[in-house]
Protein backbone atom coordinates (compact mmCIF):
# COMPACT_ATOMS: atom_id res chain seq x y z
CA MET A 1 -0.37 0.08 0.07
CA SER A 2 3.31 2.49 0.65
CA GLY A 3 1.86 5.92 0.63
CA ASP A 4 -0.97 5.84 -1.20
CA PRO A 5 -4.31 6.68 0.35
CA LEU A 6 -7.20 3.64 0.51
CA GLU A 7 -8.60 2.81 -2.89
CA ASP A 8 -11.47 0.03 -3.08
CA GLY A 9 -10.74 -3.16 -2.71
CA TRP A 10 -9.38 -5.78 0.14
CA TYR A 11 -6.65 -5.31 2.94
CA LEU A 12 -4.62 -6.81 5.59
CA MET A 13 -4.94 -4.64 8.68
CA THR A 14 -5.25 -4.89 12.19
CA ALA A 15 -7.95 -2.85 14.13
CA SER A 16 -5.25 0.21 14.75
CA GLU A 17 -3.71 -0.04 11.23
CA LEU A 18 -7.43 0.40 9.75
CA GLU A 19 -7.79 3.26 12.53
CA ARG A 20 -4.64 4.91 11.09
CA GLU A 21 -5.86 4.36 7.82
CA LEU A 22 -8.96 6.22 8.47
CA ALA A 23 -7.55 9.17 10.20
CA ARG A 24 -5.04 9.79 6.84
CA TRP A 25 -7.77 9.27 4.59
CA ARG A 26 -9.71 12.42 6.40
CA GLY A 27 -6.69 14.57 6.02
CA ASP A 28 -4.37 13.95 9.17
CA ASP A 29 -1.19 13.87 8.57
CA VAL A 30 0.00 10.24 10.05
CA PRO A 31 2.13 7.89 7.99
CA PRO A 32 1.18 5.09 6.29
CA THR A 33 1.00 1.67 7.69
CA GLY A 34 2.22 0.02 4.97
CA ALA A 35 -1.15 -2.57 5.14
CA PRO A 36 -0.85 -4.83 2.30
CA ARG A 37 -3.20 -4.83 -0.55
CA LEU A 38 -4.52 -7.97 -2.08
CA SER A 39 -6.05 -8.50 -5.49
CA VAL A 40 -9.94 -10.53 -5.52
CA GLU A 41 -8.13 -13.63 -6.05
CA SER A 42 -5.32 -13.27 -2.90
CA ALA A 43 -8.02 -12.12 -0.64
CA LEU A 44 -10.64 -14.67 -1.19
CA GLU A 45 -7.51 -17.38 -0.58
CA PHE A 46 -6.78 -15.90 2.61
CA ARG A 47 -10.71 -15.79 3.70
CA ASN A 48 -10.95 -19.33 2.48
CA ALA A 49 -8.37 -20.40 4.60
CA GLY A 50 -10.09 -19.15 7.52
CA ASN A 51 -9.26 -15.14 7.61
CA ARG A 52 -7.24 -16.07 10.75
CA PRO A 53 -5.16 -13.34 11.86
CA ASP A 54 -1.73 -13.50 10.19
CA ALA A 55 1.23 -13.13 11.62
CA ASP A 56 1.32 -9.66 12.10
CA GLY A 57 -2.32 -9.61 13.38
CA ARG A 58 -3.97 -8.86 10.39
CA THR A 59 -7.34 -9.50 8.99
CA LEU A 60 -9.49 -8.78 5.44
CA ARG A 61 -11.09 -5.55 5.05
CA LEU A 62 -12.71 -4.29 1.98
CA VAL A 63 -12.47 -0.94 1.38
CA LEU A 64 -15.16 0.48 -0.84
CA HIS A 65 -15.74 4.06 -1.12
CA VAL A 66 -19.09 6.15 -0.94
CA PRO A 67 -18.94 9.23 -3.03
CA ASN A 68 -23.05 9.68 -3.01
CA ALA A 69 -26.01 8.12 -1.71
CA VAL A 70 -26.96 5.32 -4.63
CA SER A 71 -23.25 4.08 -3.77
CA LEU A 72 -24.42 3.81 -0.73
CA GLU A 73 -27.99 1.72 -1.15
CA ASN A 74 -26.11 0.00 -3.74
CA LEU A 75 -23.28 -1.32 -1.08
CA GLY A 76 -24.07 -4.98 -1.49
CA GLU A 77 -24.08 -4.99 -5.20
CA ARG A 78 -20.49 -3.21 -5.20
CA ARG A 79 -19.36 -5.77 -2.74
CA LEU A 80 -20.10 -8.66 -5.01
CA ALA A 81 -17.39 -7.43 -7.45
CA PHE A 82 -14.97 -8.15 -4.53
CA GLU A 83 -16.62 -11.18 -3.02
CA PRO A 84 -19.07 -12.78 -5.81
CA ASP A 85 -19.85 -15.58 -3.48
CA TYR A 86 -20.77 -13.39 -0.46
CA HIS A 87 -24.32 -14.67 -0.37
CA ASP A 88 -23.14 -18.61 -0.07
CA PRO A 89 -22.69 -20.24 3.28
CA PRO A 90 -19.51 -18.90 5.25
CA SER A 91 -17.87 -22.39 4.48
CA TRP A 92 -14.60 -20.72 5.10
CA ARG A 93 -15.34 -20.15 8.93
CA ARG A 94 -13.57 -22.16 11.33
CA ALA A 95 -11.96 -21.60 15.33
CA GLY A 96 -9.97 -18.36 15.32
CA SER A 97 -12.13 -17.18 11.66
CA ALA A 98 -12.52 -13.06 12.03
CA PRO A 99 -15.63 -11.64 10.08
CA VAL A 100 -14.81 -10.41 6.69
CA ASN A 101 -15.37 -6.30 7.77
CA VAL A 102 -16.48 -3.97 4.60
CA VAL A 103 -15.54 -0.70 5.44
CA PRO A 104 -17.58 2.16 3.72
CA LEU A 105 -15.99 5.18 3.27
CA ARG A 106 -18.83 7.92 3.07
CA ARG A 107 -17.64 11.40 1.25
CA ALA A 108 -18.88 14.21 3.53
CA GLY A 109 -22.30 15.16 3.79
CA VAL A 110 -23.27 11.32 2.23
CA THR A 111 -26.19 10.02 4.02
CA GLY A 112 -28.45 6.67 3.60
CA ALA A 113 -32.14 6.90 3.14
CA ARG A 114 -34.07 8.19 6.51
CA ARG A 115 -34.64 5.99 9.11
CA ARG A 116 -38.18 4.95 8.73
CA ALA A 117 -40.50 2.23 9.73
CA TRP A 118 -39.76 -0.92 7.34
CA TRP A 119 -43.53 -0.73 6.07
CA GLU A 120 -43.13 2.49 4.53
CA ASP A 121 -40.21 0.64 2.37
CA GLU A 122 -42.13 0.08 -1.15
CA ASP A 123 -40.31 -3.50 -1.10
CA LEU A 124 -40.44 -4.67 2.01
CA ALA A 125 -44.09 -3.29 2.25
CA ALA A 126 -44.48 -5.57 -1.20
CA LEU A 127 -43.39 -8.73 0.59
CA GLU A 128 -45.42 -8.34 4.00
CA GLN A 129 -48.42 -8.33 1.97
CA GLU A 130 -47.29 -10.73 0.21
CA TRP A 131 -46.98 -13.03 2.92
CA SER A 132 -50.09 -11.55 4.33
CA ASN A 133 -51.94 -12.83 1.84
CA SER A 134 -50.44 -16.34 1.34
CA GLY A 135 -48.04 -16.89 3.82
CA ARG A 136 -45.34 -17.01 1.10
CA VAL A 137 -42.73 -14.80 -0.24
CA ALA A 138 -41.14 -15.35 -3.55
CA GLY A 139 -42.50 -18.68 -3.92
CA LEU A 140 -40.86 -19.66 -0.23
CA ASN A 141 -43.50 -20.37 2.73
CA VAL A 142 -42.00 -18.43 5.07
CA PRO A 143 -42.74 -18.52 9.40
CA ALA A 144 -43.86 -15.52 10.90
CA GLU A 145 -41.04 -15.39 13.44
CA TYR A 146 -38.34 -15.22 10.27
CA ARG A 147 -39.86 -12.52 8.23
CA SER A 148 -37.61 -10.26 8.93
CA PHE A 149 -34.94 -12.34 7.93
CA VAL A 150 -36.39 -13.38 4.55
CA TYR A 151 -37.62 -10.05 3.57
CA LYS A 152 -34.41 -8.54 3.74
CA THR A 153 -32.51 -11.73 2.11
CA VAL A 154 -34.99 -12.11 -1.03
CA LEU A 155 -33.92 -8.14 -2.13
CA ALA A 156 -30.54 -9.23 -1.97
CA LEU A 157 -30.70 -12.23 -3.85
CA GLN A 158 -33.02 -10.64 -6.59
CA GLY A 159 -30.84 -7.54 -6.23
CA ALA A 160 -28.04 -9.83 -7.24
CA GLY A 161 -30.09 -11.72 -9.59
CA ARG A 162 -29.57 -15.28 -7.67
CA PRO A 163 -32.44 -17.67 -7.31
CA VAL A 164 -34.73 -17.31 -4.15
CA THR A 165 -34.52 -20.84 -2.92
CA VAL A 166 -34.67 -22.60 0.65
CA ASP A 167 -31.23 -22.98 0.49
CA SER A 168 -30.05 -19.72 -1.27
CA VAL A 169 -32.23 -18.01 1.65
CA ALA A 170 -30.79 -20.14 4.32
CA ASP A 171 -26.97 -19.87 3.25
CA SER A 172 -27.03 -16.18 2.42
CA ILE A 173 -28.56 -15.51 6.14
CA ALA A 174 -25.99 -17.57 7.54
CA ARG A 175 -23.03 -15.25 6.80
CA TRP A 176 -24.26 -12.44 8.54
CA VAL A 177 -25.93 -14.77 11.92
CA PRO A 178 -24.05 -16.90 14.31
CA GLU A 179 -24.18 -20.33 13.51
CA ALA A 180 -26.68 -22.16 15.78
CA GLU A 181 -28.81 -19.23 14.52
CA ALA A 182 -28.24 -19.98 11.23
CA GLY A 183 -29.06 -23.11 11.65
CA GLU A 184 -32.44 -22.83 13.43
CA ILE A 185 -33.88 -20.60 10.66
CA ARG A 186 -32.56 -23.17 7.66
CA ALA A 187 -34.16 -26.10 9.78
CA ALA A 188 -37.72 -23.46 9.92
CA LEU A 189 -37.74 -22.99 6.31
CA ARG A 190 -36.91 -26.44 5.29
CA ALA A 191 -39.98 -27.83 7.88
CA ALA A 192 -41.96 -25.17 6.10
CA ASN A 193 -41.15 -25.87 2.62
CA PRO A 194 -40.87 -30.03 2.51
């Protein structure tokens, strides 16, 4: 990485190195950390080996610049360019694995959509209406207690052009919830969709 500012892409960094690089990005006069920037192939290889801290305590960080509100809303889609399988189950996790950290670098003044009740979001409201009418969403029977997990995941899968199946929904959910909870959701979806 040398003295270059952070660019979109994969880096190996410790938390303190990330803090220093963020300070540099904000314009503070601090020296670069020398944290290595990785190719997509090298980063996925490191992740697939468990994303365990290296000899210097570094783990993966995916840096994505956010110049405007649209790029903030499309962060998940942009992530696919660097981690094309991030909707798949995290089979790379093992004892000592660190999560993959996504670091959105927002330009000053860039904010997301105002916080609002979920039913005010057009896409989520449509899924809730579909579920209210049929107990199904995107062709899947969905137990009431898992609707919020399923709605967000269905929208993410559809946005990524991926099929919506019991396994694709459960696999995608598994990337961001603890393993036991992911297993519980998978079992409930399978039971509801024999």
